[in-house]
């Protein structure tokens, strides 16, 4: 398995805006709706090129979801975009009733997920969106790892017939995948192989997982890193395989430890092959305002935290085997 090289950084929102514009050139049915954050979400790139297919609904997220639902019934492929907490919480009822329940072909794009809206504080940070959307029947949940994967995700969800929540970050993050990295909705990728422990990451935490794996390799610990870009439907086959082949699992996510990737992986393992497991995520708290990198450190979302979680789970694995 080739190792993924960590290269330059790029903001996911920039990749998202560029991908939308490219998608618009290829598919005339694609329409974009935005709740007055087009410059922040970068949907303005689509709006400038296709003003007749771009709708700024103003600060009216719930209405935006209903308009998107109507456009979907007319055969369009709407991308409804706003900050993630507004898409999942303020407009949650409209997403549930008007989009998820009738299985309409709407792509709900949650910009600024996790702590990436760092300076606006707890009201604008979103550490529970995965939990909300994962619990919604018929809703697919996708969280790309970097700018390259974001572009692939935009095109993939456009091809999928049904509601999708696309989790995006404002942040500039390392590019850790490339054009040749497979991207199939519902199928996780092995970004780095190893036999001693599996680190399952979602979204932009993949770079921290890879950094930790590299550090662990210097101590003779082989860490398999799995990129779980699709959280729902979950690739349970890959999770069971990781448990059977490595005997220990660490999950990594920029989200509350409750209801997100870690919970989903634990649910899957409980049905098939339970093994010692640790979760790296936000420990059930709202965050404060500040520099993004400082918040990641304060709330335990760095490669050091992943490294320590692996050390902890390896100890539990040894105790488990010794029984």
C-alpha atoms as a PDB file:
ATOM      1  CA  UNK A   1       0.000   0.000   0.000  1.00  0.00           C
ATOM      2  CA  UNK A   2       1.680   3.286  -1.052  1.00  0.00           C
ATOM      3  CA  UNK A   3       2.045   5.930   1.615  1.00  0.00           C
ATOM      4  CA  UNK A   4       0.135   9.177   1.061  1.00  0.00           C
ATOM      5  CA  UNK A   5       2.406  12.168   0.803  1.00  0.00           C
ATOM      6  CA  UNK A   6       1.452  15.273   2.769  1.00  0.00           C
ATOM      7  CA  UNK A   7       1.716  18.274   0.505  1.00  0.00           C
ATOM      8  CA  UNK A   8       0.470  21.854   0.328  1.00  0.00           C
ATOM      9  CA  UNK A   9      -2.540  23.284   2.162  1.00  0.00           C
ATOM     10  CA  UNK A  10      -5.804  24.521   0.677  1.00  0.00           C
ATOM     11  CA  UNK A  11      -9.110  25.579   2.208  1.00  0.00           C
ATOM     12  CA  UNK A  12     -11.993  23.182   1.645  1.00  0.00           C
ATOM     13  CA  UNK A  13     -14.362  26.082   0.967  1.00  0.00           C
ATOM     14  CA  UNK A  14     -12.203  27.204  -1.966  1.00  0.00           C
ATOM     15  CA  UNK A  15     -12.210  23.696  -3.409  1.00  0.00           C
ATOM     16  CA  UNK A  16     -15.967  23.507  -2.873  1.00  0.00           C
ATOM     17  CA  UNK A  17     -16.678  26.740  -4.768  1.00  0.00           C
ATOM     18  CA  UNK A  18     -14.388  25.795  -7.640  1.00  0.00           C
ATOM     19  CA  UNK A  19     -15.926  22.320  -7.892  1.00  0.00           C
ATOM     20  CA  UNK A  20     -19.456  23.717  -7.940  1.00  0.00           C
ATOM     21  CA  UNK A  21     -18.586  26.035 -10.827  1.00  0.00           C
ATOM     22  CA  UNK A  22     -16.989  23.165 -12.753  1.00  0.00           C
ATOM     23  CA  UNK A  23     -19.982  20.948 -12.052  1.00  0.00           C
ATOM     24  CA  UNK A  24     -22.271  23.703 -13.308  1.00  0.00           C
ATOM     25  CA  UNK A  25     -20.464  23.745 -16.662  1.00  0.00           C
ATOM     26  CA  UNK A  26     -21.065  20.005 -17.044  1.00  0.00           C
ATOM     27  CA  UNK A  27     -24.615  19.719 -15.792  1.00  0.00           C
ATOM     28  CA  UNK A  28     -27.265  22.312 -16.585  1.00  0.00           C
ATOM     29  CA  UNK A  29     -29.625  20.845 -13.987  1.00  0.00           C
ATOM     30  CA  UNK A  30     -27.367  21.890 -11.110  1.00  0.00           C
ATOM     31  CA  UNK A  31     -28.672  24.896  -9.188  1.00  0.00           C
ATOM     32  CA  UNK A  32     -27.159  26.524  -6.110  1.00  0.00           C
ATOM     33  CA  UNK A  33     -28.946  28.194  -3.209  1.00  0.00           C
ATOM     34  CA  UNK A  34     -27.192  30.216  -0.555  1.00  0.00           C
ATOM     35  CA  UNK A  35     -28.415  31.958   2.612  1.00  0.00           C
ATOM     36  CA  UNK A  36     -26.460  35.203   2.215  1.00  0.00           C
ATOM     37  CA  UNK A  37     -23.035  33.690   2.900  1.00  0.00           C
ATOM     38  CA  UNK A  38     -21.980  33.174  -0.717  1.00  0.00           C
ATOM     39  CA  UNK A  39     -18.644  34.934  -0.323  1.00  0.00           C
ATOM     40  CA  UNK A  40     -17.791  32.880   2.762  1.00  0.00           C
ATOM     41  CA  UNK A  41     -19.006  29.564   1.384  1.00  0.00           C
ATOM     42  CA  UNK A  42     -17.480  30.369  -2.046  1.00  0.00           C
ATOM     43  CA  UNK A  43     -20.743  29.566  -3.849  1.00  0.00           C
ATOM     44  CA  UNK A  44     -20.273  33.032  -5.320  1.00  0.00           C
ATOM     45  CA  UNK A  45     -17.938  31.369  -7.853  1.00  0.00           C
ATOM     46  CA  UNK A  46     -20.970  29.471  -9.213  1.00  0.00           C
ATOM     47  CA  UNK A  47     -23.203  32.536  -8.909  1.00  0.00           C
ATOM     48  CA  UNK A  48     -20.957  34.751 -11.020  1.00  0.00           C
ATOM     49  CA  UNK A  49     -20.795  32.182 -13.799  1.00  0.00           C
ATOM     50  CA  UNK A  50     -24.417  31.038 -13.699  1.00  0.00           C
ATOM     51  CA  UNK A  51     -26.531  33.875 -12.278  1.00  0.00           C
ATOM     52  CA  UNK A  52     -29.730  32.349 -13.696  1.00  0.00           C
ATOM     53  CA  UNK A  53     -29.110  29.169 -11.678  1.00  0.00           C
ATOM     54  CA  UNK A  54     -27.993  30.822  -8.441  1.00  0.00           C
ATOM     55  CA  UNK A  55     -30.408  31.940  -5.718  1.00  0.00           C
ATOM     56  CA  UNK A  56     -29.415  33.973  -2.677  1.00  0.00           C
ATOM     57  CA  UNK A  57     -32.460  33.554  -0.467  1.00  0.00           C
ATOM     58  CA  UNK A  58     -31.167  35.874   2.244  1.00  0.00           C
ATOM     59  CA  UNK A  59     -30.944  34.962   5.911  1.00  0.00           C
ATOM     60  CA  UNK A  60     -33.765  32.458   5.596  1.00  0.00           C
ATOM     61  CA  UNK A  61     -32.256  29.001   5.884  1.00  0.00           C
ATOM     62  CA  UNK A  62     -35.507  27.166   6.537  1.00  0.00           C
ATOM     63  CA  UNK A  63     -37.116  28.727   3.475  1.00  0.00           C
ATOM     64  CA  UNK A  64     -34.014  27.856   1.454  1.00  0.00           C
ATOM     65  CA  UNK A  65     -34.484  24.173   2.227  1.00  0.00           C
ATOM     66  CA  UNK A  66     -38.116  24.291   1.130  1.00  0.00           C
ATOM     67  CA  UNK A  67     -37.188  26.071  -2.115  1.00  0.00           C
ATOM     68  CA  UNK A  68     -34.495  23.474  -2.725  1.00  0.00           C
ATOM     69  CA  UNK A  69     -37.048  20.722  -2.185  1.00  0.00           C
ATOM     70  CA  UNK A  70     -39.357  22.339  -4.753  1.00  0.00           C
ATOM     71  CA  UNK A  71     -36.564  22.627  -7.305  1.00  0.00           C
ATOM     72  CA  UNK A  72     -35.732  18.943  -6.782  1.00  0.00           C
ATOM     73  CA  UNK A  73     -39.311  17.941  -7.570  1.00  0.00           C
ATOM     74  CA  UNK A  74     -38.884  19.810 -10.880  1.00  0.00           C
ATOM     75  CA  UNK A  75     -35.852  17.707 -11.815  1.00  0.00           C
ATOM     76  CA  UNK A  76     -33.120  20.083 -10.686  1.00  0.00           C
ATOM     77  CA  UNK A  77     -30.120  19.112  -8.522  1.00  0.00           C
ATOM     78  CA  UNK A  78     -30.062  21.774  -5.791  1.00  0.00           C
ATOM     79  CA  UNK A  79     -26.991  22.444  -3.649  1.00  0.00           C
ATOM     80  CA  UNK A  80     -28.343  24.329  -0.613  1.00  0.00           C
ATOM     81  CA  UNK A  81     -25.466  25.947   1.251  1.00  0.00           C
ATOM     82  CA  UNK A  82     -25.042  27.782   4.512  1.00  0.00           C
ATOM     83  CA  UNK A  83     -23.115  27.473   7.755  1.00  0.00           C
ATOM     84  CA  UNK A  84     -23.474  23.930   9.033  1.00  0.00           C
ATOM     85  CA  UNK A  85     -25.196  24.776  12.323  1.00  0.00           C
ATOM     86  CA  UNK A  86     -27.853  26.710  10.428  1.00  0.00           C
ATOM     87  CA  UNK A  87     -28.379  23.885   7.936  1.00  0.00           C
ATOM     88  CA  UNK A  88     -28.656  21.160  10.557  1.00  0.00           C
ATOM     89  CA  UNK A  89     -30.282  22.942  13.486  1.00  0.00           C
ATOM     90  CA  UNK A  90     -32.133  26.117  12.414  1.00  0.00           C
ATOM     91  CA  UNK A  91     -33.406  24.480   9.241  1.00  0.00           C
ATOM     92  CA  UNK A  92     -33.457  20.988  10.697  1.00  0.00           C
ATOM     93  CA  UNK A  93     -37.206  20.565  10.643  1.00  0.00           C
ATOM     94  CA  UNK A  94     -37.461  21.587   6.982  1.00  0.00           C
ATOM     95  CA  UNK A  95     -34.564  19.297   6.090  1.00  0.00           C
ATOM     96  CA  UNK A  96     -36.263  16.418   7.866  1.00  0.00           C
ATOM     97  CA  UNK A  97     -39.809  16.922   6.628  1.00  0.00           C
ATOM     98  CA  UNK A  98     -39.358  18.468   3.183  1.00  0.00           C
ATOM     99  CA  UNK A  99     -36.152  16.753   2.013  1.00  0.00           C
ATOM    100  CA  UNK A 100     -35.263  13.593   3.974  1.00  0.00           C
ATOM    101  CA  UNK A 101     -38.759  12.207   4.435  1.00  0.00           C
ATOM    102  CA  UNK A 102     -39.706  12.352   0.710  1.00  0.00           C
ATOM    103  CA  UNK A 103     -36.112  11.380  -0.266  1.00  0.00           C
ATOM    104  CA  UNK A 104     -35.684  14.414  -2.508  1.00  0.00           C
ATOM    105  CA  UNK A 105     -32.511  14.919  -4.486  1.00  0.00           C
ATOM    106  CA  UNK A 106     -31.143  17.871  -2.487  1.00  0.00           C
ATOM    107  CA  UNK A 107     -27.498  18.320  -1.478  1.00  0.00           C
ATOM    108  CA  UNK A 108     -27.250  20.128   1.861  1.00  0.00           C
ATOM    109  CA  UNK A 109     -23.803  21.670   2.152  1.00  0.00           C
ATOM    110  CA  UNK A 110     -22.749  22.578   5.697  1.00  0.00           C
ATOM    111  CA  UNK A 111     -19.904  25.045   5.523  1.00  0.00           C
ATOM    112  CA  UNK A 112     -17.760  25.901   8.579  1.00  0.00           C
ATOM    113  CA  UNK A 113     -18.397  22.607  10.376  1.00  0.00           C
ATOM    114  CA  UNK A 114     -16.566  21.593  13.534  1.00  0.00           C
ATOM    115  CA  UNK A 115     -14.501  24.360  15.111  1.00  0.00           C
ATOM    116  CA  UNK A 116     -13.511  25.947  11.796  1.00  0.00           C
ATOM    117  CA  UNK A 117     -15.604  29.076  12.406  1.00  0.00           C
ATOM    118  CA  UNK A 118     -13.212  29.500  15.284  1.00  0.00           C
ATOM    119  CA  UNK A 119     -13.421  33.212  16.108  1.00  0.00           C
ATOM    120  CA  UNK A 120     -17.241  33.331  16.125  1.00  0.00           C
ATOM    121  CA  UNK A 121     -17.438  31.072  19.147  1.00  0.00           C
ATOM    122  CA  UNK A 122     -19.825  28.386  20.273  1.00  0.00           C
ATOM    123  CA  UNK A 123     -22.868  29.868  18.533  1.00  0.00           C
ATOM    124  CA  UNK A 124     -21.285  29.424  15.093  1.00  0.00           C
ATOM    125  CA  UNK A 125     -19.120  26.372  15.687  1.00  0.00           C
ATOM    126  CA  UNK A 126     -20.816  23.072  14.949  1.00  0.00           C
ATOM    127  CA  UNK A 127     -19.777  20.010  16.931  1.00  0.00           C
ATOM    128  CA  UNK A 128     -23.022  18.047  16.617  1.00  0.00           C
ATOM    129  CA  UNK A 129     -24.007  18.142  12.936  1.00  0.00           C
ATOM    130  CA  UNK A 130     -22.898  14.580  12.192  1.00  0.00           C
ATOM    131  CA  UNK A 131     -25.062  13.296  15.036  1.00  0.00           C
ATOM    132  CA  UNK A 132     -28.112  15.218  13.818  1.00  0.00           C
ATOM    133  CA  UNK A 133     -27.804  14.245  10.187  1.00  0.00           C
ATOM    134  CA  UNK A 134     -26.722  10.657  10.831  1.00  0.00           C
ATOM    135  CA  UNK A 135     -29.908  10.086  12.793  1.00  0.00           C
ATOM    136  CA  UNK A 136     -32.091  11.386   9.955  1.00  0.00           C
ATOM    137  CA  UNK A 137     -33.531   8.542   7.832  1.00  0.00           C
ATOM    138  CA  UNK A 138     -32.623   8.542   4.111  1.00  0.00           C
ATOM    139  CA  UNK A 139     -29.799  11.075   4.621  1.00  0.00           C
ATOM    140  CA  UNK A 140     -26.297  10.286   3.354  1.00  0.00           C
ATOM    141  CA  UNK A 141     -23.487  11.984   5.332  1.00  0.00           C
ATOM    142  CA  UNK A 142     -20.145  12.781   3.666  1.00  0.00           C
ATOM    143  CA  UNK A 143     -17.090  14.542   5.165  1.00  0.00           C
ATOM    144  CA  UNK A 144     -14.147  14.977   2.781  1.00  0.00           C
ATOM    145  CA  UNK A 145     -10.593  15.039   4.135  1.00  0.00           C
ATOM    146  CA  UNK A 146      -8.998  17.740   1.997  1.00  0.00           C
ATOM    147  CA  UNK A 147      -9.434  19.973  -1.039  1.00  0.00           C
ATOM    148  CA  UNK A 148      -8.821  17.190  -3.562  1.00  0.00           C
ATOM    149  CA  UNK A 149     -11.393  14.949  -1.936  1.00  0.00           C
ATOM    150  CA  UNK A 150     -13.844  17.839  -1.623  1.00  0.00           C
ATOM    151  CA  UNK A 151     -13.924  18.206  -5.390  1.00  0.00           C
ATOM    152  CA  UNK A 152     -14.507  14.471  -5.817  1.00  0.00           C
ATOM    153  CA  UNK A 153     -17.246  14.593  -3.207  1.00  0.00           C
ATOM    154  CA  UNK A 154     -19.114  17.408  -4.951  1.00  0.00           C
ATOM    155  CA  UNK A 155     -19.244  15.438  -8.208  1.00  0.00           C
ATOM    156  CA  UNK A 156     -20.067  12.155  -6.441  1.00  0.00           C
ATOM    157  CA  UNK A 157     -22.991  13.522  -4.441  1.00  0.00           C
ATOM    158  CA  UNK A 158     -24.356  15.183  -7.591  1.00  0.00           C
ATOM    159  CA  UNK A 159     -24.491  11.736  -9.221  1.00  0.00           C
ATOM    160  CA  UNK A 160     -26.215  10.196  -6.181  1.00  0.00           C
ATOM    161  CA  UNK A 161     -29.993  10.311  -6.417  1.00  0.00           C
ATOM    162  CA  UNK A 162     -31.166  11.296  -2.947  1.00  0.00           C
ATOM    163  CA  UNK A 163     -30.561  13.647  -0.029  1.00  0.00           C
ATOM    164  CA  UNK A 164     -26.967  14.182   1.069  1.00  0.00           C
ATOM    165  CA  UNK A 165     -25.346  16.216   3.840  1.00  0.00           C
ATOM    166  CA  UNK A 166     -21.886  17.348   2.722  1.00  0.00           C
ATOM    167  CA  UNK A 167     -19.806  18.416   5.730  1.00  0.00           C
ATOM    168  CA  UNK A 168     -17.314  21.146   4.866  1.00  0.00           C
ATOM    169  CA  UNK A 169     -14.685  23.077   6.757  1.00  0.00           C
ATOM    170  CA  UNK A 170     -13.652  26.692   6.442  1.00  0.00           C
ATOM    171  CA  UNK A 171     -10.089  25.782   7.303  1.00  0.00           C
ATOM    172  CA  UNK A 172      -7.010  25.564   5.174  1.00  0.00           C
ATOM    173  CA  UNK A 173      -5.812  21.972   5.704  1.00  0.00           C
ATOM    174  CA  UNK A 174      -3.010  19.780   4.309  1.00  0.00           C
ATOM    175  CA  UNK A 175      -3.715  17.966   1.060  1.00  0.00           C
ATOM    176  CA  UNK A 176      -3.268  14.276   1.915  1.00  0.00           C
ATOM    177  CA  UNK A 177      -5.042  12.585  -0.998  1.00  0.00           C
ATOM    178  CA  UNK A 178      -4.374  12.870  -4.707  1.00  0.00           C
ATOM    179  CA  UNK A 179      -6.209  12.493  -7.975  1.00  0.00           C
ATOM    180  CA  UNK A 180      -5.524   8.739  -8.025  1.00  0.00           C
ATOM    181  CA  UNK A 181      -6.970   8.124  -4.535  1.00  0.00           C
ATOM    182  CA  UNK A 182     -10.253   6.213  -4.985  1.00  0.00           C
ATOM    183  CA  UNK A 183     -13.419   7.950  -3.862  1.00  0.00           C
ATOM    184  CA  UNK A 184     -16.590   5.872  -3.830  1.00  0.00           C
ATOM    185  CA  UNK A 185     -19.488   6.934  -1.626  1.00  0.00           C
ATOM    186  CA  UNK A 186     -19.951   4.427   1.187  1.00  0.00           C
ATOM    187  CA  UNK A 187     -16.522   2.838   0.799  1.00  0.00           C
ATOM    188  CA  UNK A 188     -13.677   3.846   3.101  1.00  0.00           C
ATOM    189  CA  UNK A 189     -10.056   4.066   1.927  1.00  0.00           C
ATOM    190  CA  UNK A 190      -6.921   2.734   3.584  1.00  0.00           C
ATOM    191  CA  UNK A 191      -4.619   5.753   3.516  1.00  0.00           C
ATOM    192  CA  UNK A 192      -1.776   3.929   5.236  1.00  0.00           C
ATOM    193  CA  UNK A 193      -1.503   0.251   6.094  1.00  0.00           C
ATOM    194  CA  UNK A 194      -0.452  -1.304   9.399  1.00  0.00           C
ATOM    195  CA  UNK A 195      -1.060  -4.449  11.433  1.00  0.00           C
ATOM    196  CA  UNK A 196      -1.019  -3.346  15.082  1.00  0.00           C
ATOM    197  CA  UNK A 197      -3.872  -0.826  15.363  1.00  0.00           C
ATOM    198  CA  UNK A 198      -6.389   0.948  13.121  1.00  0.00           C
ATOM    199  CA  UNK A 199      -6.984   4.698  13.203  1.00  0.00           C
ATOM    200  CA  UNK A 200     -10.320   5.540  11.589  1.00  0.00           C
ATOM    201  CA  UNK A 201     -10.605   9.215  10.716  1.00  0.00           C
ATOM    202  CA  UNK A 202     -13.264  11.354   9.106  1.00  0.00           C
ATOM    203  CA  UNK A 203     -13.009  14.787   7.533  1.00  0.00           C
ATOM    204  CA  UNK A 204     -10.010  17.026   7.929  1.00  0.00           C
ATOM    205  CA  UNK A 205      -8.559  15.080  10.857  1.00  0.00           C
ATOM    206  CA  UNK A 206      -6.987  12.650   8.394  1.00  0.00           C
ATOM    207  CA  UNK A 207      -3.727  14.603   8.320  1.00  0.00           C
ATOM    208  CA  UNK A 208      -3.418  14.377  12.124  1.00  0.00           C
ATOM    209  CA  UNK A 209      -4.062  10.627  11.930  1.00  0.00           C
ATOM    210  CA  UNK A 210      -1.349  10.207   9.305  1.00  0.00           C
ATOM    211  CA  UNK A 211       1.107  12.299  11.334  1.00  0.00           C
ATOM    212  CA  UNK A 212       0.469  10.140  14.390  1.00  0.00           C
ATOM    213  CA  UNK A 213       0.911   6.956  12.362  1.00  0.00           C
ATOM    214  CA  UNK A 214       4.255   8.173  11.086  1.00  0.00           C
ATOM    215  CA  UNK A 215       5.439   8.935  14.629  1.00  0.00           C
ATOM    216  CA  UNK A 216       4.233   5.525  15.853  1.00  0.00           C
ATOM    217  CA  UNK A 217       6.155   3.809  13.069  1.00  0.00           C
ATOM    218  CA  UNK A 218       9.415   5.083  14.554  1.00  0.00           C
ATOM    219  CA  UNK A 219       8.533   3.067  17.673  1.00  0.00           C
ATOM    220  CA  UNK A 220       7.792  -0.075  15.710  1.00  0.00           C
ATOM    221  CA  UNK A 221       3.990   0.285  15.880  1.00  0.00           C
ATOM    222  CA  UNK A 222       2.217  -0.254  12.568  1.00  0.00           C
ATOM    223  CA  UNK A 223      -0.889   1.921  12.468  1.00  0.00           C
ATOM    224  CA  UNK A 224      -3.421   1.439   9.708  1.00  0.00           C
ATOM    225  CA  UNK A 225      -5.121   4.745   8.824  1.00  0.00           C
ATOM    226  CA  UNK A 226      -8.606   4.531   7.342  1.00  0.00           C
ATOM    227  CA  UNK A 227     -10.288   7.516   5.725  1.00  0.00           C
ATOM    228  CA  UNK A 228     -13.997   7.193   6.501  1.00  0.00           C
ATOM    229  CA  UNK A 229     -15.174   9.991   4.208  1.00  0.00           C
ATOM    230  CA  UNK A 230     -18.721   8.614   4.146  1.00  0.00           C
ATOM    231  CA  UNK A 231     -20.146   8.322   7.646  1.00  0.00           C
ATOM    232  CA  UNK A 232     -23.550   7.174   6.443  1.00  0.00           C
ATOM    233  CA  UNK A 233     -23.888   4.655   4.954  1.00  0.00           C
ATOM    234  CA  UNK A 234     -20.977   3.419   7.057  1.00  0.00           C
ATOM    235  CA  UNK A 235     -18.465   0.991   5.554  1.00  0.00           C
ATOM    236  CA  UNK A 236     -19.038  -1.674   8.218  1.00  0.00           C
ATOM    237  CA  UNK A 237     -17.152  -4.296   6.215  1.00  0.00           C
ATOM    238  CA  UNK A 238     -13.976  -2.194   6.376  1.00  0.00           C
ATOM    239  CA  UNK A 239     -14.454  -1.625  10.126  1.00  0.00           C
ATOM    240  CA  UNK A 240     -14.884  -5.321  10.884  1.00  0.00           C
ATOM    241  CA  UNK A 241     -11.853  -6.145   8.758  1.00  0.00           C
ATOM    242  CA  UNK A 242      -9.785  -3.571  10.650  1.00  0.00           C
ATOM    243  CA  UNK A 243     -10.893  -5.014  13.987  1.00  0.00           C
ATOM    244  CA  UNK A 244     -10.093  -8.588  13.000  1.00  0.00           C
ATOM    245  CA  UNK A 245      -6.717  -7.754  11.421  1.00  0.00           C
ATOM    246  CA  UNK A 246      -5.355  -5.201  13.928  1.00  0.00           C
ATOM    247  CA  UNK A 247      -7.276  -5.904  17.140  1.00  0.00           C
ATOM    248  CA  UNK A 248      -7.644  -2.279  18.285  1.00  0.00           C
ATOM    249  CA  UNK A 249      -9.290   0.868  16.933  1.00  0.00           C
ATOM    250  CA  UNK A 250      -9.007   4.621  17.472  1.00  0.00           C
ATOM    251  CA  UNK A 251     -11.576   6.955  15.910  1.00  0.00           C
ATOM    252  CA  UNK A 252     -10.736  10.570  15.106  1.00  0.00           C
ATOM    253  CA  UNK A 253     -13.221  13.346  14.381  1.00  0.00           C
ATOM    254  CA  UNK A 254     -13.688  17.110  14.785  1.00  0.00           C
ATOM    255  CA  UNK A 255     -17.052  16.571  16.451  1.00  0.00           C
ATOM    256  CA  UNK A 256     -18.497  15.714  19.810  1.00  0.00           C
ATOM    257  CA  UNK A 257     -17.483  12.207  20.861  1.00  0.00           C
ATOM    258  CA  UNK A 258     -21.210  11.489  21.221  1.00  0.00           C
ATOM    259  CA  UNK A 259     -23.204  10.684  18.102  1.00  0.00           C
ATOM    260  CA  UNK A 260     -20.478  11.026  15.510  1.00  0.00           C
ATOM    261  CA  UNK A 261     -17.998   8.705  13.853  1.00  0.00           C
ATOM    262  CA  UNK A 262     -16.854   7.091  17.094  1.00  0.00           C
ATOM    263  CA  UNK A 263     -20.381   6.191  18.074  1.00  0.00           C
ATOM    264  CA  UNK A 264     -21.116   4.824  14.622  1.00  0.00           C
ATOM    265  CA  UNK A 265     -17.995   2.638  14.636  1.00  0.00           C
ATOM    266  CA  UNK A 266     -18.791   1.363  18.145  1.00  0.00           C
ATOM    267  CA  UNK A 267     -22.311   0.445  17.041  1.00  0.00           C
ATOM    268  CA  UNK A 268     -20.937  -1.464  14.069  1.00  0.00           C
ATOM    269  CA  UNK A 269     -18.334  -3.339  16.122  1.00  0.00           C
ATOM    270  CA  UNK A 270     -20.843  -4.322  18.778  1.00  0.00           C
ATOM    271  CA  UNK A 271     -22.656  -6.382  16.130  1.00  0.00           C
ATOM    272  CA  UNK A 272     -19.637  -8.172  14.727  1.00  0.00           C
ATOM    273  CA  UNK A 273     -16.206  -8.104  16.378  1.00  0.00           C
ATOM    274  CA  UNK A 274     -15.792  -5.852  19.462  1.00  0.00           C
ATOM    275  CA  UNK A 275     -12.187  -4.854  20.201  1.00  0.00           C
ATOM    276  CA  UNK A 276     -10.563  -2.251  22.506  1.00  0.00           C
ATOM    277  CA  UNK A 277     -11.407   1.200  21.194  1.00  0.00           C
ATOM    278  CA  UNK A 278     -10.565   4.849  21.965  1.00  0.00           C
ATOM    279  CA  UNK A 279     -12.287   7.967  20.619  1.00  0.00           C
ATOM    280  CA  UNK A 280     -10.500  11.225  19.766  1.00  0.00           C
ATOM    281  CA  UNK A 281     -13.014  14.048  19.529  1.00  0.00           C
ATOM    282  CA  UNK A 282     -14.485  16.972  21.442  1.00  0.00           C
ATOM    283  CA  UNK A 283     -15.275  15.797  24.939  1.00  0.00           C
ATOM    284  CA  UNK A 284     -18.929  16.863  25.149  1.00  0.00           C
ATOM    285  CA  UNK A 285     -18.337  20.576  25.557  1.00  0.00           C
ATOM    286  CA  UNK A 286     -18.910  23.812  23.678  1.00  0.00           C
ATOM    287  CA  UNK A 287     -15.707  25.529  22.630  1.00  0.00           C
ATOM    288  CA  UNK A 288     -14.526  29.098  23.078  1.00  0.00           C
ATOM    289  CA  UNK A 289     -13.419  31.645  20.466  1.00  0.00           C
ATOM    290  CA  UNK A 290      -9.885  31.772  19.202  1.00  0.00           C
ATOM    291  CA  UNK A 291      -7.362  30.844  16.582  1.00  0.00           C
ATOM    292  CA  UNK A 292      -8.373  27.591  14.877  1.00  0.00           C
ATOM    293  CA  UNK A 293      -5.100  25.779  15.553  1.00  0.00           C
ATOM    294  CA  UNK A 294      -5.244  26.816  19.217  1.00  0.00           C
ATOM    295  CA  UNK A 295      -8.767  25.416  19.540  1.00  0.00           C
ATOM    296  CA  UNK A 296      -7.747  22.111  17.988  1.00  0.00           C
ATOM    297  CA  UNK A 297      -5.001  21.855  20.594  1.00  0.00           C
ATOM    298  CA  UNK A 298      -7.176  22.950  23.514  1.00  0.00           C
ATOM    299  CA  UNK A 299      -9.940  20.480  22.693  1.00  0.00           C
ATOM    300  CA  UNK A 300      -7.707  17.496  22.035  1.00  0.00           C
ATOM    301  CA  UNK A 301      -7.719  17.312  18.241  1.00  0.00           C
ATOM    302  CA  UNK A 302      -4.041  17.085  17.338  1.00  0.00           C
ATOM    303  CA  UNK A 303      -1.722  14.344  16.169  1.00  0.00           C
ATOM    304  CA  UNK A 304      -0.362  14.196  19.727  1.00  0.00           C
ATOM    305  CA  UNK A 305      -3.838  13.288  20.968  1.00  0.00           C
ATOM    306  CA  UNK A 306      -4.175  10.603  18.314  1.00  0.00           C
ATOM    307  CA  UNK A 307      -0.732   9.259  19.230  1.00  0.00           C
ATOM    308  CA  UNK A 308      -1.651   9.059  22.928  1.00  0.00           C
ATOM    309  CA  UNK A 309      -4.990   7.406  22.155  1.00  0.00           C
ATOM    310  CA  UNK A 310      -3.158   4.722  20.180  1.00  0.00           C
ATOM    311  CA  UNK A 311      -0.773   4.150  23.077  1.00  0.00           C
ATOM    312  CA  UNK A 312      -3.763   3.793  25.418  1.00  0.00           C
ATOM    313  CA  UNK A 313      -5.641   1.393  23.179  1.00  0.00           C
ATOM    314  CA  UNK A 314      -2.506  -0.691  22.570  1.00  0.00           C
ATOM    315  CA  UNK A 315      -2.203  -1.178  26.324  1.00  0.00           C
ATOM    316  CA  UNK A 316      -5.834  -2.263  26.506  1.00  0.00           C
ATOM    317  CA  UNK A 317      -5.253  -4.583  23.554  1.00  0.00           C
ATOM    318  CA  UNK A 318      -2.385  -6.271  25.417  1.00  0.00           C
ATOM    319  CA  UNK A 319      -4.593  -6.705  28.489  1.00  0.00           C
ATOM    320  CA  UNK A 320      -7.415  -8.034  26.296  1.00  0.00           C
ATOM    321  CA  UNK A 321      -5.152 -10.606  24.639  1.00  0.00           C
ATOM    322  CA  UNK A 322      -3.654 -11.644  28.002  1.00  0.00           C
ATOM    323  CA  UNK A 323      -7.025 -12.605  29.477  1.00  0.00           C
END
